[in-house]
């Protein structure tokens, strides 16, 4: 079992990752999808870890969806690598 204080710190780092990804996307005309979706994935996973200690069902569902979306974005970015856009 994770110490509740440590779980909070992990959650705050996860929150910071998601906010940083959003700020990165907003600040760049052509954000790198690996950075954007990777930061979102890391943030969501860290928040899920925190939520295993501090249970909140709606937040857990939200973060699980965020993980799926981030993985989908990373897969699409991986598939698009090397393809030239017209």
PDB file of N, CA and C in Angstrom:
ATOM      1  N   UNK A   1       0.846  -1.179   0.000  1.00  0.00           N
ATOM      2  CA  UNK A   1       0.000   0.000   0.000  1.00  0.00           C
ATOM      3  C   UNK A   1       0.892   1.243   0.000  1.00  0.00           C
ATOM      4  N   UNK A   2       0.522   2.192  -0.788  1.00  0.00           N
ATOM      5  CA  UNK A   2       1.282   3.438  -0.891  1.00  0.00           C
ATOM      6  C   UNK A   2       0.863   4.373   0.230  1.00  0.00           C
ATOM      7  N   UNK A   3       1.829   5.051   0.798  1.00  0.00           N
ATOM      8  CA  UNK A   3       1.557   6.055   1.812  1.00  0.00           C
ATOM      9  C   UNK A   3       0.638   7.126   1.213  1.00  0.00           C
ATOM     10  N   UNK A   4      -0.414   7.545   1.928  1.00  0.00           N
ATOM     11  CA  UNK A   4      -1.336   8.550   1.389  1.00  0.00           C
ATOM     12  C   UNK A   4      -0.664   9.856   0.971  1.00  0.00           C
ATOM     13  N   UNK A   5       0.341  10.296   1.710  1.00  0.00           N
ATOM     14  CA  UNK A   5       1.050  11.521   1.323  1.00  0.00           C
ATOM     15  C   UNK A   5       1.813  11.315   0.014  1.00  0.00           C
ATOM     16  N   UNK A   6       2.463  10.173  -0.115  1.00  0.00           N
ATOM     17  CA  UNK A   6       3.182   9.868  -1.356  1.00  0.00           C
ATOM     18  C   UNK A   6       2.197   9.795  -2.523  1.00  0.00           C
ATOM     19  N   UNK A   7       1.030   9.204  -2.286  1.00  0.00           N
ATOM     20  CA  UNK A   7       0.007   9.133  -3.341  1.00  0.00           C
ATOM     21  C   UNK A   7      -0.403  10.530  -3.781  1.00  0.00           C
ATOM     22  N   UNK A   8      -0.505  11.459  -2.850  1.00  0.00           N
ATOM     23  CA  UNK A   8      -0.833  12.840  -3.213  1.00  0.00           C
ATOM     24  C   UNK A   8       0.259  13.456  -4.071  1.00  0.00           C
ATOM     25  N   UNK A   9       1.518  13.247  -3.695  1.00  0.00           N
ATOM     26  CA  UNK A   9       2.627  13.794  -4.479  1.00  0.00           C
ATOM     27  C   UNK A   9       2.626  13.205  -5.887  1.00  0.00           C
ATOM     28  N   UNK A  10       2.397  11.895  -5.978  1.00  0.00           N
ATOM     29  CA  UNK A  10       2.336  11.242  -7.287  1.00  0.00           C
ATOM     30  C   UNK A  10       1.205  11.846  -8.114  1.00  0.00           C
ATOM     31  N   UNK A  11       0.058  12.075  -7.488  1.00  0.00           N
ATOM     32  CA  UNK A  11      -1.074  12.687  -8.175  1.00  0.00           C
ATOM     33  C   UNK A  11      -0.776  14.092  -8.656  1.00  0.00           C
ATOM     34  N   UNK A  12      -0.068  14.867  -7.833  1.00  0.00           N
ATOM     35  CA  UNK A  12       0.281  16.229  -8.243  1.00  0.00           C
ATOM     36  C   UNK A  12       1.248  16.224  -9.426  1.00  0.00           C
ATOM     37  N   UNK A  13       2.180  15.286  -9.448  1.00  0.00           N
ATOM     38  CA  UNK A  13       3.092  15.185 -10.594  1.00  0.00           C
ATOM     39  C   UNK A  13       2.299  14.809 -11.847  1.00  0.00           C
ATOM     40  N   UNK A  14       1.354  13.887 -11.700  1.00  0.00           N
ATOM     41  CA  UNK A  14       0.509  13.512 -12.825  1.00  0.00           C
ATOM     42  C   UNK A  14      -0.304  14.694 -13.341  1.00  0.00           C
ATOM     43  N   UNK A  15      -0.870  15.458 -12.418  1.00  0.00           N
ATOM     44  CA  UNK A  15      -1.627  16.650 -12.793  1.00  0.00           C
ATOM     45  C   UNK A  15      -0.735  17.626 -13.551  1.00  0.00           C
ATOM     46  N   UNK A  16       0.484  17.815 -13.069  1.00  0.00           N
ATOM     47  CA  UNK A  16       1.421  18.729 -13.725  1.00  0.00           C
ATOM     48  C   UNK A  16       1.757  18.248 -15.136  1.00  0.00           C
ATOM     49  N   UNK A  17       1.899  16.944 -15.323  1.00  0.00           N
ATOM     50  CA  UNK A  17       2.179  16.397 -16.663  1.00  0.00           C
ATOM     51  C   UNK A  17       1.042  16.706 -17.627  1.00  0.00           C
ATOM     52  N   UNK A  18      -0.188  16.502 -17.190  1.00  0.00           N
ATOM     53  CA  UNK A  18      -1.338  16.757 -18.059  1.00  0.00           C
ATOM     54  C   UNK A  18      -1.460  18.241 -18.376  1.00  0.00           C
ATOM     55  N   UNK A  19      -1.277  19.080 -17.379  1.00  0.00           N
ATOM     56  CA  UNK A  19      -1.326  20.523 -17.623  1.00  0.00           C
ATOM     57  C   UNK A  19      -0.200  20.974 -18.544  1.00  0.00           C
ATOM     58  N   UNK A  20       0.987  20.412 -18.363  1.00  0.00           N
ATOM     59  CA  UNK A  20       2.114  20.768 -19.218  1.00  0.00           C
ATOM     60  C   UNK A  20       1.835  20.343 -20.664  1.00  0.00           C
ATOM     61  N   UNK A  21       1.233  19.165 -20.847  1.00  0.00           N
ATOM     62  CA  UNK A  21       0.901  18.708 -22.203  1.00  0.00           C
ATOM     63  C   UNK A  21      -0.101  19.642 -22.859  1.00  0.00           C
ATOM     64  N   UNK A  22      -1.083  20.082 -22.099  1.00  0.00           N
ATOM     65  CA  UNK A  22      -2.082  20.999 -22.653  1.00  0.00           C
ATOM     66  C   UNK A  22      -1.445  22.348 -22.995  1.00  0.00           C
ATOM     67  N   UNK A  23      -0.600  22.844 -22.107  1.00  0.00           N
ATOM     68  CA  UNK A  23       0.094  24.112 -22.371  1.00  0.00           C
ATOM     69  C   UNK A  23       1.002  23.980 -23.588  1.00  0.00           C
ATOM     70  N   UNK A  24       1.692  22.843 -23.702  1.00  0.00           N
ATOM     71  CA  UNK A  24       2.567  22.587 -24.847  1.00  0.00           C
ATOM     72  C   UNK A  24       1.770  22.603 -26.147  1.00  0.00           C
ATOM     73  N   UNK A  25       0.617  21.934 -26.148  1.00  0.00           N
ATOM     74  CA  UNK A  25      -0.226  21.895 -27.343  1.00  0.00           C
ATOM     75  C   UNK A  25      -0.724  23.292 -27.697  1.00  0.00           C
ATOM     76  N   UNK A  26      -1.107  24.050 -26.696  1.00  0.00           N
ATOM     77  CA  UNK A  26      -1.638  25.388 -26.918  1.00  0.00           C
ATOM     78  C   UNK A  26      -0.568  26.346 -27.424  1.00  0.00           C
ATOM     79  N   UNK A  27       0.652  26.190 -26.958  1.00  0.00           N
ATOM     80  CA  UNK A  27       1.731  27.119 -27.286  1.00  0.00           C
ATOM     81  C   UNK A  27       2.393  26.830 -28.627  1.00  0.00           C
ATOM     82  N   UNK A  28       2.181  25.645 -29.185  1.00  0.00           N
ATOM     83  CA  UNK A  28       2.855  25.256 -30.426  1.00  0.00           C
ATOM     84  C   UNK A  28       1.865  25.087 -31.564  1.00  0.00           C
ATOM     85  N   UNK A  29       2.234  25.629 -32.721  1.00  0.00           N
ATOM     86  CA  UNK A  29       1.382  25.452 -33.898  1.00  0.00           C
ATOM     87  C   UNK A  29       1.376  24.008 -34.387  1.00  0.00           C
ATOM     88  N   UNK A  30       2.491  23.326 -34.244  1.00  0.00           N
ATOM     89  CA  UNK A  30       2.616  21.929 -34.673  1.00  0.00           C
ATOM     90  C   UNK A  30       3.266  21.112 -33.560  1.00  0.00           C
ATOM     91  N   UNK A  31       2.528  20.817 -32.514  1.00  0.00           N
ATOM     92  CA  UNK A  31       3.124  20.083 -31.407  1.00  0.00           C
ATOM     93  C   UNK A  31       3.513  18.659 -31.807  1.00  0.00           C
ATOM     94  N   UNK A  32       4.577  18.190 -31.217  1.00  0.00           N
ATOM     95  CA  UNK A  32       5.025  16.818 -31.436  1.00  0.00           C
ATOM     96  C   UNK A  32       4.035  15.890 -30.725  1.00  0.00           C
ATOM     97  N   UNK A  33       3.364  14.997 -31.465  1.00  0.00           N
ATOM     98  CA  UNK A  33       2.356  14.157 -30.831  1.00  0.00           C
ATOM     99  C   UNK A  33       2.934  13.189 -29.802  1.00  0.00           C
ATOM    100  N   UNK A  34       4.206  12.814 -29.959  1.00  0.00           N
ATOM    101  CA  UNK A  34       4.816  11.913 -28.991  1.00  0.00           C
ATOM    102  C   UNK A  34       4.997  12.612 -27.643  1.00  0.00           C
ATOM    103  N   UNK A  35       5.360  13.883 -27.680  1.00  0.00           N
ATOM    104  CA  UNK A  35       5.484  14.649 -26.434  1.00  0.00           C
ATOM    105  C   UNK A  35       4.109  14.882 -25.831  1.00  0.00           C
ATOM    106  N   UNK A  36       3.191  15.330 -26.647  1.00  0.00           N
ATOM    107  CA  UNK A  36       1.839  15.656 -26.170  1.00  0.00           C
ATOM    108  C   UNK A  36       1.149  14.432 -25.574  1.00  0.00           C
ATOM    109  N   UNK A  37       1.034  13.355 -26.333  1.00  0.00           N
ATOM    110  CA  UNK A  37       0.320  12.170 -25.860  1.00  0.00           C
ATOM    111  C   UNK A  37       1.127  11.409 -24.813  1.00  0.00           C
ATOM    112  N   UNK A  38       2.442  11.449 -24.942  1.00  0.00           N
ATOM    113  CA  UNK A  38       3.282  10.795 -23.930  1.00  0.00           C
ATOM    114  C   UNK A  38       3.135  11.443 -22.570  1.00  0.00           C
ATOM    115  N   UNK A  39       3.142  12.765 -22.529  1.00  0.00           N
ATOM    116  CA  UNK A  39       2.965  13.474 -21.256  1.00  0.00           C
ATOM    117  C   UNK A  39       1.573  13.221 -20.685  1.00  0.00           C
ATOM    118  N   UNK A  40       0.559  13.183 -21.564  1.00  0.00           N
ATOM    119  CA  UNK A  40      -0.791  12.874 -21.095  1.00  0.00           C
ATOM    120  C   UNK A  40      -0.877  11.459 -20.537  1.00  0.00           C
ATOM    121  N   UNK A  41      -0.232  10.514 -21.190  1.00  0.00           N
ATOM    122  CA  UNK A  41      -0.244   9.129 -20.719  1.00  0.00           C
ATOM    123  C   UNK A  41       0.446   9.009 -19.360  1.00  0.00           C
ATOM    124  N   UNK A  42       1.617   9.594 -19.237  1.00  0.00           N
ATOM    125  CA  UNK A  42       2.335   9.548 -17.957  1.00  0.00           C
ATOM    126  C   UNK A  42       1.498  10.197 -16.857  1.00  0.00           C
ATOM    127  N   UNK A  43       0.931  11.362 -17.156  1.00  0.00           N
ATOM    128  CA  UNK A  43       0.113  12.051 -16.167  1.00  0.00           C
ATOM    129  C   UNK A  43      -1.088  11.236 -15.737  1.00  0.00           C
ATOM    130  N   UNK A  44      -1.781  10.634 -16.700  1.00  0.00           N
ATOM    131  CA  UNK A  44      -2.959   9.836 -16.373  1.00  0.00           C
ATOM    132  C   UNK A  44      -2.593   8.615 -15.542  1.00  0.00           C
ATOM    133  N   UNK A  45      -1.500   7.944 -15.890  1.00  0.00           N
ATOM    134  CA  UNK A  45      -1.067   6.772 -15.123  1.00  0.00           C
ATOM    135  C   UNK A  45      -0.715   7.174 -13.693  1.00  0.00           C
ATOM    136  N   UNK A  46      -0.014   8.284 -13.531  1.00  0.00           N
ATOM    137  CA  UNK A  46       0.324   8.741 -12.176  1.00  0.00           C
ATOM    138  C   UNK A  46      -0.931   9.090 -11.381  1.00  0.00           C
ATOM    139  N   UNK A  47      -1.905   9.704 -12.025  1.00  0.00           N
ATOM    140  CA  UNK A  47      -3.154  10.004 -11.332  1.00  0.00           C
ATOM    141  C   UNK A  47      -3.917   8.728 -10.980  1.00  0.00           C
ATOM    142  N   UNK A  48      -3.882   7.729 -11.834  1.00  0.00           N
ATOM    143  CA  UNK A  48      -4.524   6.450 -11.508  1.00  0.00           C
ATOM    144  C   UNK A  48      -3.855   5.842 -10.280  1.00  0.00           C
ATOM    145  N   UNK A  49      -2.534   5.909 -10.211  1.00  0.00           N
ATOM    146  CA  UNK A  49      -1.827   5.396  -9.034  1.00  0.00           C
ATOM    147  C   UNK A  49      -2.307   6.123  -7.782  1.00  0.00           C
ATOM    148  N   UNK A  50      -2.403   7.440  -7.868  1.00  0.00           N
ATOM    149  CA  UNK A  50      -2.883   8.223  -6.733  1.00  0.00           C
ATOM    150  C   UNK A  50      -4.318   7.840  -6.373  1.00  0.00           C
ATOM    151  N   UNK A  51      -5.136   7.601  -7.370  1.00  0.00           N
ATOM    152  CA  UNK A  51      -6.542   7.271  -7.129  1.00  0.00           C
ATOM    153  C   UNK A  51      -6.744   5.873  -6.556  1.00  0.00           C
ATOM    154  N   UNK A  52      -5.736   5.022  -6.637  1.00  0.00           N
ATOM    155  CA  UNK A  52      -5.863   3.717  -5.983  1.00  0.00           C
ATOM    156  C   UNK A  52      -5.811   3.867  -4.471  1.00  0.00           C
ATOM    157  N   UNK A  53      -5.237   4.957  -3.996  1.00  0.00           N
ATOM    158  CA  UNK A  53      -5.179   5.234  -2.558  1.00  0.00           C
ATOM    159  C   UNK A  53      -6.335   6.147  -2.151  1.00  0.00           C
ATOM    160  N   UNK A  54      -6.549   7.186  -2.918  1.00  0.00           N
ATOM    161  CA  UNK A  54      -7.611   8.162  -2.645  1.00  0.00           C
ATOM    162  C   UNK A  54      -8.744   7.901  -3.642  1.00  0.00           C
ATOM    163  N   UNK A  55      -9.598   6.950  -3.307  1.00  0.00           N
ATOM    164  CA  UNK A  55     -10.619   6.468  -4.234  1.00  0.00           C
ATOM    165  C   UNK A  55     -11.618   7.563  -4.619  1.00  0.00           C
ATOM    166  N   UNK A  56     -11.852   7.650  -5.922  1.00  0.00           N
ATOM    167  CA  UNK A  56     -12.856   8.550  -6.485  1.00  0.00           C
ATOM    168  C   UNK A  56     -13.231   7.951  -7.838  1.00  0.00           C
ATOM    169  N   UNK A  57     -14.360   7.265  -7.872  1.00  0.00           N
ATOM    170  CA  UNK A  57     -14.753   6.499  -9.061  1.00  0.00           C
ATOM    171  C   UNK A  57     -14.849   7.363 -10.331  1.00  0.00           C
ATOM    172  N   UNK A  58     -15.500   8.534 -10.289  1.00  0.00           N
ATOM    173  CA  UNK A  58     -15.570   9.326 -11.527  1.00  0.00           C
ATOM    174  C   UNK A  58     -14.187   9.751 -12.030  1.00  0.00           C
ATOM    175  N   UNK A  59     -13.300  10.108 -11.126  1.00  0.00           N
ATOM    176  CA  UNK A  59     -11.951  10.503 -11.543  1.00  0.00           C
ATOM    177  C   UNK A  59     -11.188   9.311 -12.102  1.00  0.00           C
ATOM    178  N   UNK A  60     -11.390   8.136 -11.534  1.00  0.00           N
ATOM    179  CA  UNK A  60     -10.716   6.939 -12.043  1.00  0.00           C
ATOM    180  C   UNK A  60     -11.184   6.636 -13.467  1.00  0.00           C
ATOM    181  N   UNK A  61     -12.487   6.762 -13.726  1.00  0.00           N
ATOM    182  CA  UNK A  61     -13.007   6.529 -15.075  1.00  0.00           C
ATOM    183  C   UNK A  61     -12.436   7.569 -16.039  1.00  0.00           C
ATOM    184  N   UNK A  62     -12.398   8.828 -15.610  1.00  0.00           N
ATOM    185  CA  UNK A  62     -11.839   9.884 -16.450  1.00  0.00           C
ATOM    186  C   UNK A  62     -10.387   9.586 -16.807  1.00  0.00           C
ATOM    187  N   UNK A  63      -9.598   9.207 -15.839  1.00  0.00           N
ATOM    188  CA  UNK A  63      -8.179   8.939 -16.099  1.00  0.00           C
ATOM    189  C   UNK A  63      -7.997   7.690 -16.951  1.00  0.00           C
ATOM    190  N   UNK A  64      -8.850   6.687 -16.764  1.00  0.00           N
ATOM    191  CA  UNK A  64      -8.777   5.492 -17.612  1.00  0.00           C
ATOM    192  C   UNK A  64      -9.070   5.870 -19.062  1.00  0.00           C
ATOM    193  N   UNK A  65     -10.061   6.734 -19.281  1.00  0.00           N
ATOM    194  CA  UNK A  65     -10.352   7.217 -20.639  1.00  0.00           C
ATOM    195  C   UNK A  65      -9.167   8.004 -21.189  1.00  0.00           C
ATOM    196  N   UNK A  66      -8.542   8.810 -20.343  1.00  0.00           N
ATOM    197  CA  UNK A  66      -7.390   9.606 -20.756  1.00  0.00           C
ATOM    198  C   UNK A  66      -6.239   8.699 -21.183  1.00  0.00           C
ATOM    199  N   UNK A  67      -6.053   7.593 -20.479  1.00  0.00           N
ATOM    200  CA  UNK A  67      -5.015   6.622 -20.851  1.00  0.00           C
ATOM    201  C   UNK A  67      -5.312   6.052 -22.233  1.00  0.00           C
ATOM    202  N   UNK A  68      -6.566   5.656 -22.466  1.00  0.00           N
ATOM    203  CA  UNK A  68      -6.948   5.083 -23.764  1.00  0.00           C
ATOM    204  C   UNK A  68      -6.736   6.095 -24.887  1.00  0.00           C
ATOM    205  N   UNK A  69      -7.159   7.332 -24.666  1.00  0.00           N
ATOM    206  CA  UNK A  69      -6.997   8.378 -25.681  1.00  0.00           C
ATOM    207  C   UNK A  69      -5.520   8.630 -25.970  1.00  0.00           C
ATOM    208  N   UNK A  70      -4.707   8.698 -24.932  1.00  0.00           N
ATOM    209  CA  UNK A  70      -3.275   8.948 -25.110  1.00  0.00           C
ATOM    210  C   UNK A  70      -2.606   7.795 -25.862  1.00  0.00           C
ATOM    211  N   UNK A  71      -2.956   6.566 -25.519  1.00  0.00           N
ATOM    212  CA  UNK A  71      -2.382   5.414 -26.224  1.00  0.00           C
ATOM    213  C   UNK A  71      -2.815   5.435 -27.688  1.00  0.00           C
ATOM    214  N   UNK A  72      -4.093   5.734 -27.935  1.00  0.00           N
ATOM    215  CA  UNK A  72      -4.587   5.842 -29.314  1.00  0.00           C
ATOM    216  C   UNK A  72      -3.800   6.909 -30.078  1.00  0.00           C
ATOM    217  N   UNK A  73      -3.579   8.063 -29.454  1.00  0.00           N
ATOM    218  CA  UNK A  73      -2.814   9.136 -30.091  1.00  0.00           C
ATOM    219  C   UNK A  73      -1.381   8.717 -30.384  1.00  0.00           C
ATOM    220  N   UNK A  74      -0.774   7.994 -29.463  1.00  0.00           N
ATOM    221  CA  UNK A  74       0.602   7.528 -29.675  1.00  0.00           C
ATOM    222  C   UNK A  74       0.669   6.498 -30.803  1.00  0.00           C
ATOM    223  N   UNK A  75      -0.311   5.612 -30.858  1.00  0.00           N
ATOM    224  CA  UNK A  75      -0.337   4.611 -31.936  1.00  0.00           C
ATOM    225  C   UNK A  75      -0.496   5.299 -33.288  1.00  0.00           C
ATOM    226  N   UNK A  76      -1.409   6.254 -33.368  1.00  0.00           N
ATOM    227  CA  UNK A  76      -1.598   6.995 -34.632  1.00  0.00           C
ATOM    228  C   UNK A  76      -0.341   7.758 -35.013  1.00  0.00           C
ATOM    229  N   UNK A  77       0.311   8.373 -34.038  1.00  0.00           N
ATOM    230  CA  UNK A  77       1.546   9.113 -34.324  1.00  0.00           C
ATOM    231  C   UNK A  77       2.633   8.153 -34.799  1.00  0.00           C
ATOM    232  N   UNK A  78       2.710   6.981 -34.194  1.00  0.00           N
ATOM    233  CA  UNK A  78       3.715   5.977 -34.603  1.00  0.00           C
ATOM    234  C   UNK A  78       3.438   5.514 -36.029  1.00  0.00           C
ATOM    235  N   UNK A  79       2.155   5.299 -36.351  1.00  0.00           N
ATOM    236  CA  UNK A  79       1.791   4.857 -37.696  1.00  0.00           C
ATOM    237  C   UNK A  79       2.060   5.944 -38.728  1.00  0.00           C
ATOM    238  N   UNK A  80       1.899   7.193 -38.358  1.00  0.00           N
ATOM    239  CA  UNK A  80       2.091   8.317 -39.283  1.00  0.00           C
ATOM    240  C   UNK A  80       3.559   8.670 -39.471  1.00  0.00           C
ATOM    241  N   UNK A  81       4.419   8.144 -38.617  1.00  0.00           N
ATOM    242  CA  UNK A  81       5.844   8.454 -38.739  1.00  0.00           C
ATOM    243  C   UNK A  81       6.346   8.088 -40.117  1.00  0.00           C
ATOM    244  N   UNK A  82       7.050   9.018 -40.702  1.00  0.00           N
ATOM    245  CA  UNK A  82       7.647   8.748 -41.997  1.00  0.00           C
ATOM    246  C   UNK A  82       6.729   8.997 -43.186  1.00  0.00           C
ATOM    247  N   UNK A  83       5.439   9.131 -42.929  1.00  0.00           N
ATOM    248  CA  UNK A  83       4.526   9.438 -44.030  1.00  0.00           C
ATOM    249  C   UNK A  83       4.587  10.936 -44.296  1.00  0.00           C
ATOM    250  N   UNK A  84       4.647  11.287 -45.565  1.00  0.00           N
ATOM    251  CA  UNK A  84       4.691  12.698 -45.961  1.00  0.00           C
ATOM    252  C   UNK A  84       3.267  13.176 -46.165  1.00  0.00           C
ATOM    253  N   UNK A  85       2.932  14.286 -45.525  1.00  0.00           N
ATOM    254  CA  UNK A  85       1.591  14.854 -45.692  1.00  0.00           C
ATOM    255  C   UNK A  85       1.604  15.812 -46.883  1.00  0.00           C
ATOM    256  N   UNK A  86       0.591  15.723 -47.695  1.00  0.00           N
ATOM    257  CA  UNK A  86       0.500  16.588 -48.872  1.00  0.00           C
ATOM    258  C   UNK A  86       0.022  17.956 -48.515  1.00  0.00           C
TER     259      UNK A  86
END
